[in-house]
């Protein structure tokens, strides 16, 4: 289920506003930082105007530590080679979320990614 949730997270990016902005399609990114150390980010997208980056982590766990996940993501953001001084927006896709924001990151749950269909 975690792999499907990660795929849904990436596909949701261009279909919704995150931090009030529209985003281009997202992908996963693997690469090396400036020191040559491996680095992976679950969700990476540019804003429509390409001036901002969206970075995200995807968790499918009943007890995800969202604050810790965000701290790790912020650390990764400092190391990515393609940032080029652009502002970064953070998002966390979580199986469960008690709030829609955690310390400066948007939190997205299955209910926000796939809202229930209206009763017919």
N, C-alpha and C. Protein backbone atom coordinates (compact mmCIF):
# COMPACT_ATOMS: atom_id res chain seq x y z
N UNK A 1 0.81 -1.20 0.00
CA UNK A 1 0.00 0.00 0.00
C UNK A 1 0.86 1.27 0.00
N UNK A 2 2.04 1.20 0.62
CA UNK A 2 2.92 2.37 0.69
C UNK A 2 3.34 2.85 -0.70
N UNK A 3 3.63 1.90 -1.60
CA UNK A 3 4.04 2.29 -2.95
C UNK A 3 2.90 2.97 -3.70
N UNK A 4 1.68 2.50 -3.49
CA UNK A 4 0.52 3.11 -4.14
C UNK A 4 0.29 4.51 -3.59
N UNK A 5 0.42 4.67 -2.27
CA UNK A 5 0.24 5.98 -1.65
C UNK A 5 1.29 6.96 -2.18
N UNK A 6 2.50 6.50 -2.38
CA UNK A 6 3.55 7.37 -2.93
C UNK A 6 3.21 7.78 -4.37
N UNK A 7 2.71 6.87 -5.16
CA UNK A 7 2.30 7.19 -6.53
C UNK A 7 1.14 8.19 -6.52
N UNK A 8 0.15 7.97 -5.66
CA UNK A 8 -0.98 8.89 -5.56
C UNK A 8 -0.52 10.28 -5.10
N UNK A 9 0.45 10.32 -4.21
CA UNK A 9 0.97 11.60 -3.74
C UNK A 9 1.55 12.39 -4.90
N UNK A 10 2.39 11.76 -5.70
CA UNK A 10 3.00 12.47 -6.83
C UNK A 10 1.94 12.90 -7.85
N UNK A 11 0.98 12.04 -8.10
CA UNK A 11 -0.06 12.37 -9.08
C UNK A 11 -0.99 13.48 -8.58
N UNK A 12 -1.09 13.66 -7.29
CA UNK A 12 -1.99 14.68 -6.74
C UNK A 12 -1.43 16.10 -6.89
N UNK A 13 -0.13 16.23 -7.03
CA UNK A 13 0.51 17.55 -7.00
C UNK A 13 -0.05 18.51 -8.05
N UNK A 14 -0.12 18.16 -9.32
CA UNK A 14 -0.61 19.15 -10.29
C UNK A 14 -2.13 19.35 -10.24
N UNK A 15 -2.82 18.57 -9.44
CA UNK A 15 -4.28 18.64 -9.39
C UNK A 15 -4.81 19.49 -8.24
N UNK A 16 -3.93 19.99 -7.40
CA UNK A 16 -4.40 20.78 -6.26
C UNK A 16 -3.44 21.92 -5.99
N UNK A 17 -3.93 22.91 -5.27
CA UNK A 17 -3.05 23.99 -4.82
C UNK A 17 -2.40 23.55 -3.52
N UNK A 18 -1.10 23.76 -3.42
CA UNK A 18 -0.37 23.51 -2.18
C UNK A 18 0.31 24.82 -1.84
N UNK A 19 0.09 25.29 -0.64
CA UNK A 19 0.58 26.62 -0.21
C UNK A 19 0.05 27.72 -1.13
N UNK A 20 -1.15 27.52 -1.67
CA UNK A 20 -1.76 28.53 -2.51
C UNK A 20 -1.19 28.61 -3.91
N UNK A 21 -0.35 27.65 -4.28
CA UNK A 21 0.31 27.67 -5.60
C UNK A 21 -0.06 26.44 -6.42
N UNK A 22 0.00 26.61 -7.73
CA UNK A 22 -0.15 25.48 -8.64
C UNK A 22 1.25 24.95 -8.96
N UNK A 23 1.33 23.63 -9.12
CA UNK A 23 2.62 22.97 -9.33
C UNK A 23 2.59 22.13 -10.60
N UNK A 24 3.74 22.02 -11.23
CA UNK A 24 3.91 21.13 -12.37
C UNK A 24 3.91 19.68 -11.86
N UNK A 25 3.81 18.70 -12.77
CA UNK A 25 3.84 17.31 -12.34
C UNK A 25 5.08 17.00 -11.50
N UNK A 26 4.86 16.13 -10.54
CA UNK A 26 5.92 15.76 -9.59
C UNK A 26 6.56 14.44 -9.98
N UNK A 27 7.76 14.26 -9.47
CA UNK A 27 8.48 12.99 -9.65
C UNK A 27 9.25 12.68 -8.38
N UNK A 28 9.81 11.51 -8.34
CA UNK A 28 10.74 11.13 -7.27
C UNK A 28 12.12 11.53 -7.75
N UNK A 29 12.99 11.86 -6.81
CA UNK A 29 14.35 12.23 -7.22
C UNK A 29 15.36 11.44 -6.40
N UNK A 30 16.29 10.82 -7.12
CA UNK A 30 17.45 10.16 -6.53
C UNK A 30 18.68 10.80 -7.12
N UNK A 31 19.65 11.01 -6.31
CA UNK A 31 20.89 11.57 -6.83
C UNK A 31 21.92 11.66 -5.73
N UNK A 32 22.88 12.50 -5.97
CA UNK A 32 23.95 12.70 -4.99
C UNK A 32 24.02 14.18 -4.63
N UNK A 33 24.36 14.43 -3.37
CA UNK A 33 24.52 15.82 -2.94
C UNK A 33 25.91 16.30 -3.34
N UNK A 34 26.25 17.51 -2.95
CA UNK A 34 27.54 18.11 -3.33
C UNK A 34 28.72 17.31 -2.82
N UNK A 35 28.53 16.57 -1.73
CA UNK A 35 29.61 15.74 -1.18
C UNK A 35 29.65 14.35 -1.79
N UNK A 36 28.72 14.05 -2.68
CA UNK A 36 28.68 12.74 -3.32
C UNK A 36 27.87 11.71 -2.54
N UNK A 37 27.21 12.13 -1.47
CA UNK A 37 26.40 11.21 -0.68
C UNK A 37 25.04 11.00 -1.35
N UNK A 38 24.49 9.77 -1.29
CA UNK A 38 23.20 9.52 -1.92
C UNK A 38 22.08 10.29 -1.23
N UNK A 39 21.09 10.67 -2.03
CA UNK A 39 19.98 11.47 -1.53
C UNK A 39 18.73 11.07 -2.29
N UNK A 40 17.61 10.90 -1.58
CA UNK A 40 16.34 10.55 -2.21
C UNK A 40 15.24 11.43 -1.63
N UNK A 41 14.39 11.95 -2.52
CA UNK A 41 13.24 12.74 -2.10
C UNK A 41 12.03 12.15 -2.82
N UNK A 42 10.97 11.85 -2.05
CA UNK A 42 9.79 11.18 -2.60
C UNK A 42 9.03 12.01 -3.62
N UNK A 43 8.90 13.32 -3.37
CA UNK A 43 8.10 14.19 -4.23
C UNK A 43 8.89 15.47 -4.51
N UNK A 44 9.09 15.77 -5.79
CA UNK A 44 9.77 17.01 -6.19
C UNK A 44 8.97 17.61 -7.36
N UNK A 45 8.65 18.89 -7.24
CA UNK A 45 7.94 19.58 -8.32
C UNK A 45 8.35 21.05 -8.33
N UNK A 46 8.22 21.65 -9.51
CA UNK A 46 8.43 23.09 -9.64
C UNK A 46 7.08 23.78 -9.74
N UNK A 47 7.02 25.01 -9.25
CA UNK A 47 5.81 25.82 -9.43
C UNK A 47 5.65 26.12 -10.92
N UNK A 48 4.45 26.53 -11.30
CA UNK A 48 4.20 26.85 -12.71
C UNK A 48 5.22 27.83 -13.26
N UNK A 49 5.60 28.82 -12.45
CA UNK A 49 6.56 29.82 -12.93
C UNK A 49 8.01 29.38 -12.77
N UNK A 50 8.23 28.18 -12.25
CA UNK A 50 9.54 27.56 -12.05
C UNK A 50 10.43 28.31 -11.06
N UNK A 51 9.85 29.20 -10.28
CA UNK A 51 10.63 29.98 -9.32
C UNK A 51 10.69 29.33 -7.94
N UNK A 52 9.86 28.33 -7.69
CA UNK A 52 9.81 27.69 -6.37
C UNK A 52 9.85 26.18 -6.53
N UNK A 53 10.28 25.52 -5.48
CA UNK A 53 10.31 24.06 -5.45
C UNK A 53 9.35 23.54 -4.39
N UNK A 54 8.73 22.43 -4.69
CA UNK A 54 7.95 21.69 -3.71
C UNK A 54 8.70 20.40 -3.44
N UNK A 55 9.00 20.16 -2.18
CA UNK A 55 9.64 18.91 -1.78
C UNK A 55 8.73 18.22 -0.79
N UNK A 56 8.59 16.92 -0.93
CA UNK A 56 7.70 16.18 -0.05
C UNK A 56 8.20 14.80 0.30
N UNK A 57 7.72 14.35 1.44
CA UNK A 57 7.96 12.98 1.89
C UNK A 57 6.61 12.30 2.05
N UNK A 58 6.58 11.00 1.79
CA UNK A 58 5.35 10.23 1.82
C UNK A 58 5.50 9.12 2.87
N UNK A 59 4.53 9.05 3.80
CA UNK A 59 4.55 8.04 4.86
C UNK A 59 3.21 7.34 4.91
N UNK A 60 3.25 6.02 4.97
CA UNK A 60 2.03 5.23 5.14
C UNK A 60 2.19 4.45 6.44
N UNK A 61 1.91 5.13 7.53
CA UNK A 61 2.07 4.54 8.86
C UNK A 61 1.05 5.17 9.79
N UNK A 62 0.54 4.37 10.72
CA UNK A 62 -0.40 4.89 11.70
C UNK A 62 0.29 5.81 12.70
N UNK A 63 1.59 5.69 12.84
CA UNK A 63 2.31 6.46 13.85
C UNK A 63 3.49 7.21 13.25
N UNK A 64 3.27 7.87 12.16
CA UNK A 64 4.35 8.62 11.50
C UNK A 64 4.73 9.84 12.35
N UNK A 65 6.01 10.06 12.51
CA UNK A 65 6.54 11.22 13.23
C UNK A 65 6.68 12.35 12.21
N UNK A 66 5.63 13.14 12.04
CA UNK A 66 5.63 14.16 10.99
C UNK A 66 6.65 15.25 11.26
N UNK A 67 6.82 15.64 12.51
CA UNK A 67 7.82 16.68 12.83
C UNK A 67 9.22 16.16 12.50
N UNK A 68 9.51 14.92 12.83
CA UNK A 68 10.81 14.33 12.51
C UNK A 68 11.00 14.16 11.02
N UNK A 69 9.93 13.77 10.33
CA UNK A 69 9.99 13.63 8.88
C UNK A 69 10.29 14.97 8.23
N UNK A 70 9.62 16.02 8.70
CA UNK A 70 9.87 17.36 8.17
C UNK A 70 11.30 17.80 8.42
N UNK A 71 11.82 17.55 9.61
CA UNK A 71 13.21 17.92 9.92
C UNK A 71 14.17 17.23 8.95
N UNK A 72 13.92 15.97 8.66
CA UNK A 72 14.76 15.25 7.70
C UNK A 72 14.65 15.82 6.30
N UNK A 73 13.45 16.22 5.92
CA UNK A 73 13.23 16.80 4.60
C UNK A 73 13.92 18.16 4.47
N UNK A 74 13.86 18.97 5.50
CA UNK A 74 14.54 20.27 5.49
C UNK A 74 16.05 20.06 5.36
N UNK A 75 16.57 19.05 6.05
CA UNK A 75 18.01 18.74 5.94
C UNK A 75 18.36 18.33 4.50
N UNK A 76 17.51 17.51 3.89
CA UNK A 76 17.75 17.12 2.50
C UNK A 76 17.70 18.32 1.57
N UNK A 77 16.77 19.25 1.82
CA UNK A 77 16.61 20.42 0.96
C UNK A 77 17.88 21.25 0.92
N UNK A 78 18.60 21.28 2.02
CA UNK A 78 19.86 22.04 2.06
C UNK A 78 20.94 21.39 1.20
N UNK A 79 20.77 20.10 0.90
CA UNK A 79 21.81 19.35 0.20
C UNK A 79 21.52 19.12 -1.28
N UNK A 80 20.32 19.42 -1.75
CA UNK A 80 20.00 19.12 -3.16
C UNK A 80 20.77 20.05 -4.10
N UNK A 81 21.29 19.50 -5.18
CA UNK A 81 22.12 20.31 -6.08
C UNK A 81 21.32 21.21 -7.03
N UNK A 82 20.01 21.02 -7.14
CA UNK A 82 19.23 21.76 -8.12
C UNK A 82 18.38 22.87 -7.51
N UNK A 83 18.61 23.21 -6.29
CA UNK A 83 17.79 24.24 -5.63
C UNK A 83 18.04 25.63 -6.24
N UNK A 84 19.28 25.98 -6.48
CA UNK A 84 19.67 27.25 -7.11
C UNK A 84 19.03 28.46 -6.44
N UNK A 85 18.98 28.45 -5.11
CA UNK A 85 18.48 29.59 -4.34
C UNK A 85 16.97 29.77 -4.36
N UNK A 86 16.25 28.85 -4.97
CA UNK A 86 14.79 28.99 -5.03
C UNK A 86 14.16 28.69 -3.67
N UNK A 87 13.09 29.40 -3.33
CA UNK A 87 12.37 29.08 -2.10
C UNK A 87 11.79 27.66 -2.19
N UNK A 88 11.77 26.97 -1.06
CA UNK A 88 11.25 25.61 -1.00
C UNK A 88 9.98 25.58 -0.16
N UNK A 89 8.99 24.89 -0.69
CA UNK A 89 7.75 24.62 0.04
C UNK A 89 7.77 23.14 0.39
N UNK A 90 7.29 22.82 1.58
CA UNK A 90 7.34 21.45 2.06
C UNK A 90 5.93 20.87 2.18
N UNK A 91 5.81 19.59 1.83
CA UNK A 91 4.54 18.89 2.00
C UNK A 91 4.83 17.48 2.51
N UNK A 92 3.94 17.00 3.34
CA UNK A 92 4.04 15.64 3.89
C UNK A 92 2.74 14.92 3.56
N UNK A 93 2.84 13.80 2.89
CA UNK A 93 1.69 12.96 2.62
C UNK A 93 1.69 11.87 3.67
N UNK A 94 0.63 11.83 4.46
CA UNK A 94 0.59 10.92 5.60
C UNK A 94 -0.72 10.15 5.63
N UNK A 95 -0.64 8.90 6.06
CA UNK A 95 -1.85 8.09 6.21
C UNK A 95 -2.81 8.75 7.19
N UNK A 96 -2.25 9.34 8.22
CA UNK A 96 -3.05 10.03 9.24
C UNK A 96 -2.42 11.39 9.50
N UNK A 97 -3.26 12.39 9.71
CA UNK A 97 -2.77 13.72 10.03
C UNK A 97 -3.73 14.42 10.96
N UNK A 98 -3.23 14.96 12.04
CA UNK A 98 -4.08 15.64 13.01
C UNK A 98 -4.34 17.09 12.60
N UNK A 99 -3.54 17.61 11.69
CA UNK A 99 -3.68 19.01 11.26
C UNK A 99 -3.33 19.09 9.78
N UNK A 100 -3.66 20.23 9.18
CA UNK A 100 -3.33 20.40 7.77
C UNK A 100 -1.95 21.02 7.57
N UNK A 101 -1.30 21.43 8.68
CA UNK A 101 0.07 21.95 8.62
C UNK A 101 0.84 21.47 9.85
N UNK A 102 2.11 21.21 9.65
CA UNK A 102 3.02 20.86 10.74
C UNK A 102 4.28 21.68 10.56
N UNK A 103 4.54 22.60 11.47
CA UNK A 103 5.78 23.39 11.45
C UNK A 103 6.18 23.89 10.07
N UNK A 104 5.25 24.45 9.33
CA UNK A 104 5.60 25.02 8.03
C UNK A 104 5.46 24.10 6.85
N UNK A 105 4.91 22.91 7.05
CA UNK A 105 4.69 21.99 5.93
C UNK A 105 3.20 21.70 5.82
N UNK A 106 2.73 21.60 4.60
CA UNK A 106 1.35 21.18 4.36
C UNK A 106 1.28 19.67 4.58
N UNK A 107 0.24 19.21 5.28
CA UNK A 107 0.03 17.78 5.50
C UNK A 107 -1.17 17.36 4.66
N UNK A 108 -0.96 16.35 3.85
CA UNK A 108 -2.01 15.83 2.98
C UNK A 108 -2.30 14.38 3.36
N UNK A 109 -3.56 14.05 3.47
CA UNK A 109 -4.00 12.70 3.85
C UNK A 109 -4.80 12.09 2.70
N UNK A 110 -5.15 10.83 2.80
CA UNK A 110 -5.99 10.24 1.75
C UNK A 110 -7.28 11.03 1.52
N UNK A 111 -7.84 11.61 2.58
CA UNK A 111 -9.07 12.38 2.44
C UNK A 111 -8.86 13.67 1.63
N UNK A 112 -7.68 14.26 1.70
CA UNK A 112 -7.43 15.47 0.92
C UNK A 112 -6.97 15.15 -0.50
N UNK A 113 -6.32 14.03 -0.67
CA UNK A 113 -5.85 13.63 -2.00
C UNK A 113 -7.00 13.03 -2.81
N UNK A 114 -7.85 12.26 -2.15
CA UNK A 114 -8.99 11.60 -2.82
C UNK A 114 -10.25 11.86 -2.01
N UNK A 115 -10.82 13.07 -2.11
CA UNK A 115 -12.02 13.36 -1.33
C UNK A 115 -13.14 12.39 -1.67
N UNK A 116 -13.99 12.08 -0.69
CA UNK A 116 -15.12 11.17 -0.98
C UNK A 116 -16.02 11.73 -2.08
N UNK A 117 -16.53 10.86 -2.89
CA UNK A 117 -17.46 11.28 -3.94
C UNK A 117 -18.79 11.63 -3.31
N UNK A 118 -19.47 12.61 -3.87
CA UNK A 118 -20.80 12.94 -3.33
C UNK A 118 -21.76 11.76 -3.55
N UNK A 119 -22.67 11.60 -2.62
CA UNK A 119 -23.66 10.52 -2.75
C UNK A 119 -24.52 10.76 -3.97
N UNK A 120 -24.78 9.70 -4.68
CA UNK A 120 -25.58 9.80 -5.90
C UNK A 120 -27.00 9.41 -5.60
